Amino acid sequence: GRAWPVATSDPNRLLVPYLGTDGAMHPATTGNRYFKAGREDGKRYHAAIDLVTRTGDAILATEDGVVVGEVSGYVGFDTVVVDHAGLIAVYAEIAPGSLASSGLKPGDAVKAGQRLGTAAKNADGNSMLHFETWAKGHAPKGFTPWYIGQPAPAGLLDPTRYLLAIAARS
């Protein structure tokens, strides 16, 4: 089975932001948190989808898998990487020490819906989960820079359809 990656009471919890083929943002209220959104005044792309959380919410494994590791991530947050059957999922910008606080370490098996960590408040006072997907064999070592005018990093996958499928069943 699959589980939504955030356990939250936020009413927008299942929103998956994406830019439609019509050029419009869907859902219209989500801002530029979608895959391949411009960042740093147009210098780079966003390599993930940012999902709604509240500070302290549980971050959950979307599928059964094995923890590949935890790395210090973007601006002092942690990143938990899990090898699921068909892909590598990156759960990023979460509270430091999340994996240990969940009683996990690299090499541990996890089940869909199992806690991987905790959502944390970021520098602008918000909380969210930065969710990336990668082809097997392409687990990132940390922050994923993807500069405009350059091809996507090898193995990076657009998580939009994956998350929309989970949201439809949740």
C-alpha atoms as a PDB file:
ATOM      1  CA  GLY A   1       0.000   0.000   0.000  1.00  0.00           C
ATOM      2  CA  ARG A   2       0.826   3.662  -0.127  1.00  0.00           C
ATOM      3  CA  ALA A   3       0.416   6.396   2.459  1.00  0.00           C
ATOM      4  CA  TRP A   4       0.297  10.181   2.247  1.00  0.00           C
ATOM      5  CA  PRO A   5       3.727  11.480   3.390  1.00  0.00           C
ATOM      6  CA  VAL A   6       2.378  13.883   6.032  1.00  0.00           C
ATOM      7  CA  ALA A   7       0.036  13.240   8.961  1.00  0.00           C
ATOM      8  CA  THR A   8      -1.553  16.654   9.450  1.00  0.00           C
ATOM      9  CA  SER A   9      -4.882  18.198  10.350  1.00  0.00           C
ATOM     10  CA  ASP A  10      -4.351  21.041   7.856  1.00  0.00           C
ATOM     11  CA  PRO A  11      -7.412  21.230   5.571  1.00  0.00           C
ATOM     12  CA  ASN A  12      -5.103  21.619   2.532  1.00  0.00           C
ATOM     13  CA  ARG A  13      -3.146  18.468   3.399  1.00  0.00           C
ATOM     14  CA  LEU A  14      -3.791  16.646   0.110  1.00  0.00           C
ATOM     15  CA  LEU A  15      -3.004  19.542  -2.240  1.00  0.00           C
ATOM     16  CA  VAL A  16      -0.426  18.619  -4.869  1.00  0.00           C
ATOM     17  CA  PRO A  17       0.741  21.793  -6.606  1.00  0.00           C
ATOM     18  CA  TYR A  18       1.540  21.498 -10.316  1.00  0.00           C
ATOM     19  CA  LEU A  19       1.680  23.630 -13.423  1.00  0.00           C
ATOM     20  CA  GLY A  20      -0.911  22.316 -15.865  1.00  0.00           C
ATOM     21  CA  THR A  21      -0.572  21.987 -19.606  1.00  0.00           C
ATOM     22  CA  ASP A  22      -2.844  25.032 -19.762  1.00  0.00           C
ATOM     23  CA  GLY A  23      -0.056  27.048 -18.093  1.00  0.00           C
ATOM     24  CA  ALA A  24      -2.169  27.590 -14.971  1.00  0.00           C
ATOM     25  CA  MET A  25      -1.261  26.664 -11.411  1.00  0.00           C
ATOM     26  CA  HIS A  26      -3.298  23.807  -9.936  1.00  0.00           C
ATOM     27  CA  PRO A  27      -4.753  24.063  -7.401  1.00  0.00           C
ATOM     28  CA  ALA A  28      -4.831  27.814  -7.903  1.00  0.00           C
ATOM     29  CA  THR A  29      -4.005  28.670  -4.275  1.00  0.00           C
ATOM     30  CA  THR A  30      -0.730  26.798  -3.827  1.00  0.00           C
ATOM     31  CA  GLY A  31       1.890  29.300  -5.001  1.00  0.00           C
ATOM     32  CA  ASN A  32       5.104  28.159  -6.687  1.00  0.00           C
ATOM     33  CA  ARG A  33       5.703  24.981  -4.700  1.00  0.00           C
ATOM     34  CA  TYR A  34       5.449  22.759  -7.755  1.00  0.00           C
ATOM     35  CA  PHE A  35       8.121  20.700  -9.526  1.00  0.00           C
ATOM     36  CA  LYS A  36      10.332  22.824 -11.793  1.00  0.00           C
ATOM     37  CA  ALA A  37       9.113  26.142 -10.328  1.00  0.00           C
ATOM     38  CA  GLY A  38      11.615  28.976 -10.634  1.00  0.00           C
ATOM     39  CA  ARG A  39      13.796  29.708  -7.596  1.00  0.00           C
ATOM     40  CA  GLU A  40      16.405  32.333  -6.661  1.00  0.00           C
ATOM     41  CA  ASP A  41      15.057  34.967  -9.065  1.00  0.00           C
ATOM     42  CA  GLY A  42      15.083  32.559 -11.987  1.00  0.00           C
ATOM     43  CA  LYS A  43      18.529  31.038 -11.381  1.00  0.00           C
ATOM     44  CA  ARG A  44      17.411  27.483 -10.621  1.00  0.00           C
ATOM     45  CA  TYR A  45      14.458  25.110 -10.690  1.00  0.00           C
ATOM     46  CA  HIS A  46      12.687  23.473  -7.760  1.00  0.00           C
ATOM     47  CA  ALA A  47      13.510  19.735  -7.821  1.00  0.00           C
ATOM     48  CA  ALA A  48      10.530  18.721  -5.680  1.00  0.00           C
ATOM     49  CA  ILE A  49       6.972  19.408  -4.617  1.00  0.00           C
ATOM     50  CA  ASP A  50       6.434  21.169  -1.299  1.00  0.00           C
ATOM     51  CA  LEU A  51       3.543  19.679   0.674  1.00  0.00           C
ATOM     52  CA  VAL A  52       1.516  21.372   3.400  1.00  0.00           C
ATOM     53  CA  THR A  53       2.444  20.538   6.985  1.00  0.00           C
ATOM     54  CA  ARG A  54       2.169  22.088  10.393  1.00  0.00           C
ATOM     55  CA  THR A  55       5.175  22.272  12.694  1.00  0.00           C
ATOM     56  CA  GLY A  56       5.427  18.992  14.606  1.00  0.00           C
ATOM     57  CA  ASP A  57       3.444  16.916  12.090  1.00  0.00           C
ATOM     58  CA  ALA A  58       4.705  13.403  11.450  1.00  0.00           C
ATOM     59  CA  ILE A  59       6.509  12.751   8.147  1.00  0.00           C
ATOM     60  CA  LEU A  60       5.573   9.267   6.918  1.00  0.00           C
ATOM     61  CA  ALA A  61       6.975   6.723   4.459  1.00  0.00           C
ATOM     62  CA  THR A  62       4.807   6.619   1.332  1.00  0.00           C
ATOM     63  CA  GLU A  63       5.542   2.923   0.712  1.00  0.00           C
ATOM     64  CA  ASP A  64       7.403   0.000   2.234  1.00  0.00           C
ATOM     65  CA  GLY A  65      11.137   0.409   1.777  1.00  0.00           C
ATOM     66  CA  VAL A  66      14.593   0.658   3.296  1.00  0.00           C
ATOM     67  CA  VAL A  67      16.149   3.780   4.803  1.00  0.00           C
ATOM     68  CA  VAL A  68      19.165   4.704   2.672  1.00  0.00           C
ATOM     69  CA  GLY A  69      20.300   7.474   4.961  1.00  0.00           C
ATOM     70  CA  GLU A  70      19.836  10.844   6.573  1.00  0.00           C
ATOM     71  CA  VAL A  71      21.858  13.841   5.484  1.00  0.00           C
ATOM     72  CA  SER A  72      22.056  17.405   6.633  1.00  0.00           C
ATOM     73  CA  GLY A  73      19.895  19.211   4.167  1.00  0.00           C
ATOM     74  CA  TYR A  74      19.012  22.636   2.989  1.00  0.00           C
ATOM     75  CA  VAL A  75      19.511  25.510   5.490  1.00  0.00           C
ATOM     76  CA  GLY A  76      20.045  23.338   8.560  1.00  0.00           C
ATOM     77  CA  PHE A  77      17.206  20.873   8.081  1.00  0.00           C
ATOM     78  CA  ASP A  78      17.564  17.136   7.645  1.00  0.00           C
ATOM     79  CA  THR A  79      16.781  14.942   4.660  1.00  0.00           C
ATOM     80  CA  VAL A  80      15.696  11.305   4.961  1.00  0.00           C
ATOM     81  CA  VAL A  81      16.199   9.130   1.875  1.00  0.00           C
ATOM     82  CA  VAL A  82      14.191   5.918   1.471  1.00  0.00           C
ATOM     83  CA  ASP A  83      14.574   3.263  -1.217  1.00  0.00           C
ATOM     84  CA  HIS A  84      11.026   2.172  -2.063  1.00  0.00           C
ATOM     85  CA  ALA A  85      10.344  -0.722  -4.436  1.00  0.00           C
ATOM     86  CA  GLY A  86      10.101   1.403  -7.581  1.00  0.00           C
ATOM     87  CA  LEU A  87      11.886   4.618  -6.690  1.00  0.00           C
ATOM     88  CA  ILE A  88      13.941   6.602  -4.215  1.00  0.00           C
ATOM     89  CA  ALA A  89      11.962   9.141  -2.153  1.00  0.00           C
ATOM     90  CA  VAL A  90      13.565  12.142  -0.497  1.00  0.00           C
ATOM     91  CA  TYR A  91      11.776  13.634   2.518  1.00  0.00           C
ATOM     92  CA  ALA A  92      13.522  16.964   3.038  1.00  0.00           C
ATOM     93  CA  GLU A  93      13.524  20.153   5.101  1.00  0.00           C
ATOM     94  CA  ILE A  94      12.425  18.266   8.198  1.00  0.00           C
ATOM     95  CA  ALA A  95      13.534  18.631  11.805  1.00  0.00           C
ATOM     96  CA  PRO A  96      17.185  17.784  12.549  1.00  0.00           C
ATOM     97  CA  GLY A  97      17.579  14.353  14.166  1.00  0.00           C
ATOM     98  CA  SER A  98      14.244  13.165  12.760  1.00  0.00           C
ATOM     99  CA  LEU A  99      15.393   9.687  11.836  1.00  0.00           C
ATOM    100  CA  ALA A 100      16.868   8.937  15.283  1.00  0.00           C
ATOM    101  CA  SER A 101      13.817  10.415  17.014  1.00  0.00           C
ATOM    102  CA  SER A 102      11.720   7.932  15.025  1.00  0.00           C
ATOM    103  CA  GLY A 103      13.913   5.045  16.234  1.00  0.00           C
ATOM    104  CA  LEU A 104      15.377   4.454  12.765  1.00  0.00           C
ATOM    105  CA  LYS A 105      18.813   4.301  11.177  1.00  0.00           C
ATOM    106  CA  PRO A 106      20.179   3.637   7.685  1.00  0.00           C
ATOM    107  CA  GLY A 107      19.492   0.059   6.618  1.00  0.00           C
ATOM    108  CA  ASP A 108      16.232  -0.247   8.568  1.00  0.00           C
ATOM    109  CA  ALA A 109      13.109  -1.465   6.789  1.00  0.00           C
ATOM    110  CA  VAL A 110      10.047   0.796   6.954  1.00  0.00           C
ATOM    111  CA  LYS A 111       6.380   0.210   6.192  1.00  0.00           C
ATOM    112  CA  ALA A 112       4.009   2.516   4.338  1.00  0.00           C
ATOM    113  CA  GLY A 113       2.721   5.064   6.854  1.00  0.00           C
ATOM    114  CA  GLN A 114       5.614   4.584   9.303  1.00  0.00           C
ATOM    115  CA  ARG A 115       7.006   7.740  10.895  1.00  0.00           C
ATOM    116  CA  LEU A 116      10.313   8.961   9.435  1.00  0.00           C
ATOM    117  CA  GLY A 117      10.546  12.333  11.109  1.00  0.00           C
ATOM    118  CA  THR A 118       8.931  15.604  12.081  1.00  0.00           C
ATOM    119  CA  ALA A 119       7.932  18.732  10.173  1.00  0.00           C
ATOM    120  CA  ALA A 120       9.821  21.840  11.283  1.00  0.00           C
ATOM    121  CA  LYS A 121       9.283  25.577  10.942  1.00  0.00           C
ATOM    122  CA  ASN A 122      11.528  27.110   8.285  1.00  0.00           C
ATOM    123  CA  ALA A 123      13.168  30.547   8.153  1.00  0.00           C
ATOM    124  CA  ASP A 124      10.073  32.271   6.757  1.00  0.00           C
ATOM    125  CA  GLY A 125       7.941  30.905   9.606  1.00  0.00           C
ATOM    126  CA  ASN A 126       6.190  28.230   7.556  1.00  0.00           C
ATOM    127  CA  SER A 127       6.288  24.478   7.696  1.00  0.00           C
ATOM    128  CA  MET A 128       6.283  22.087   4.731  1.00  0.00           C
ATOM    129  CA  LEU A 129       7.715  18.851   3.375  1.00  0.00           C
ATOM    130  CA  HIS A 130      10.047  19.096   0.363  1.00  0.00           C
ATOM    131  CA  PHE A 131       9.350  15.801  -1.465  1.00  0.00           C
ATOM    132  CA  GLU A 132      11.612  14.560  -4.299  1.00  0.00           C
ATOM    133  CA  THR A 133      11.548  11.318  -6.289  1.00  0.00           C
ATOM    134  CA  TRP A 134      14.483   9.631  -8.039  1.00  0.00           C
ATOM    135  CA  ALA A 135      15.032   6.590 -10.219  1.00  0.00           C
ATOM    136  CA  LYS A 136      16.614   3.607  -8.454  1.00  0.00           C
ATOM    137  CA  GLY A 137      20.373   3.991  -8.139  1.00  0.00           C
ATOM    138  CA  HIS A 138      20.256   7.788  -8.072  1.00  0.00           C
ATOM    139  CA  ALA A 139      19.853   8.688  -4.381  1.00  0.00           C
ATOM    140  CA  PRO A 140      21.091  12.261  -3.861  1.00  0.00           C
ATOM    141  CA  LYS A 141      23.803  13.060  -1.320  1.00  0.00           C
ATOM    142  CA  GLY A 142      22.193  16.331  -0.165  1.00  0.00           C
ATOM    143  CA  PHE A 143      20.608  19.473  -1.600  1.00  0.00           C
ATOM    144  CA  THR A 144      19.744  19.108  -5.290  1.00  0.00           C
ATOM    145  CA  PRO A 145      20.781  22.130  -7.359  1.00  0.00           C
ATOM    146  CA  TRP A 146      19.106  22.259 -10.784  1.00  0.00           C
ATOM    147  CA  TYR A 147      20.123  25.382 -12.655  1.00  0.00           C
ATOM    148  CA  ILE A 148      18.012  26.903 -15.391  1.00  0.00           C
ATOM    149  CA  GLY A 149      19.481  26.142 -18.799  1.00  0.00           C
ATOM    150  CA  GLN A 150      20.909  22.838 -17.545  1.00  0.00           C
ATOM    151  CA  PRO A 151      19.340  19.391 -17.889  1.00  0.00           C
ATOM    152  CA  ALA A 152      17.673  17.896 -14.851  1.00  0.00           C
ATOM    153  CA  PRO A 153      20.055  15.965 -12.564  1.00  0.00           C
ATOM    154  CA  ALA A 154      20.432  12.348 -13.721  1.00  0.00           C
ATOM    155  CA  GLY A 155      17.686  10.206 -12.233  1.00  0.00           C
ATOM    156  CA  LEU A 156      15.472  13.047 -10.943  1.00  0.00           C
ATOM    157  CA  LEU A 157      11.776  12.257 -11.460  1.00  0.00           C
ATOM    158  CA  ASP A 158       8.762  14.576 -11.363  1.00  0.00           C
ATOM    159  CA  PRO A 159       6.772  13.471  -8.257  1.00  0.00           C
ATOM    160  CA  THR A 160       3.481  15.020  -9.444  1.00  0.00           C
ATOM    161  CA  ARG A 161       1.698  11.894 -10.731  1.00  0.00           C
ATOM    162  CA  TYR A 162       3.011   9.760  -7.878  1.00  0.00           C
ATOM    163  CA  LEU A 163       1.603  12.179  -5.280  1.00  0.00           C
ATOM    164  CA  LEU A 164      -1.679  12.762  -7.166  1.00  0.00           C
ATOM    165  CA  ALA A 165      -2.256   8.971  -7.187  1.00  0.00           C
ATOM    166  CA  ILE A 166      -1.702   8.759  -3.426  1.00  0.00           C
ATOM    167  CA  ALA A 167      -3.931  11.801  -2.788  1.00  0.00           C
ATOM    168  CA  ALA A 168      -6.737  10.258  -4.853  1.00  0.00           C
ATOM    169  CA  ARG A 169      -6.718   7.180  -2.600  1.00  0.00           C
ATOM    170  CA  SER A 170      -6.370   9.081   0.681  1.00  0.00           C
END
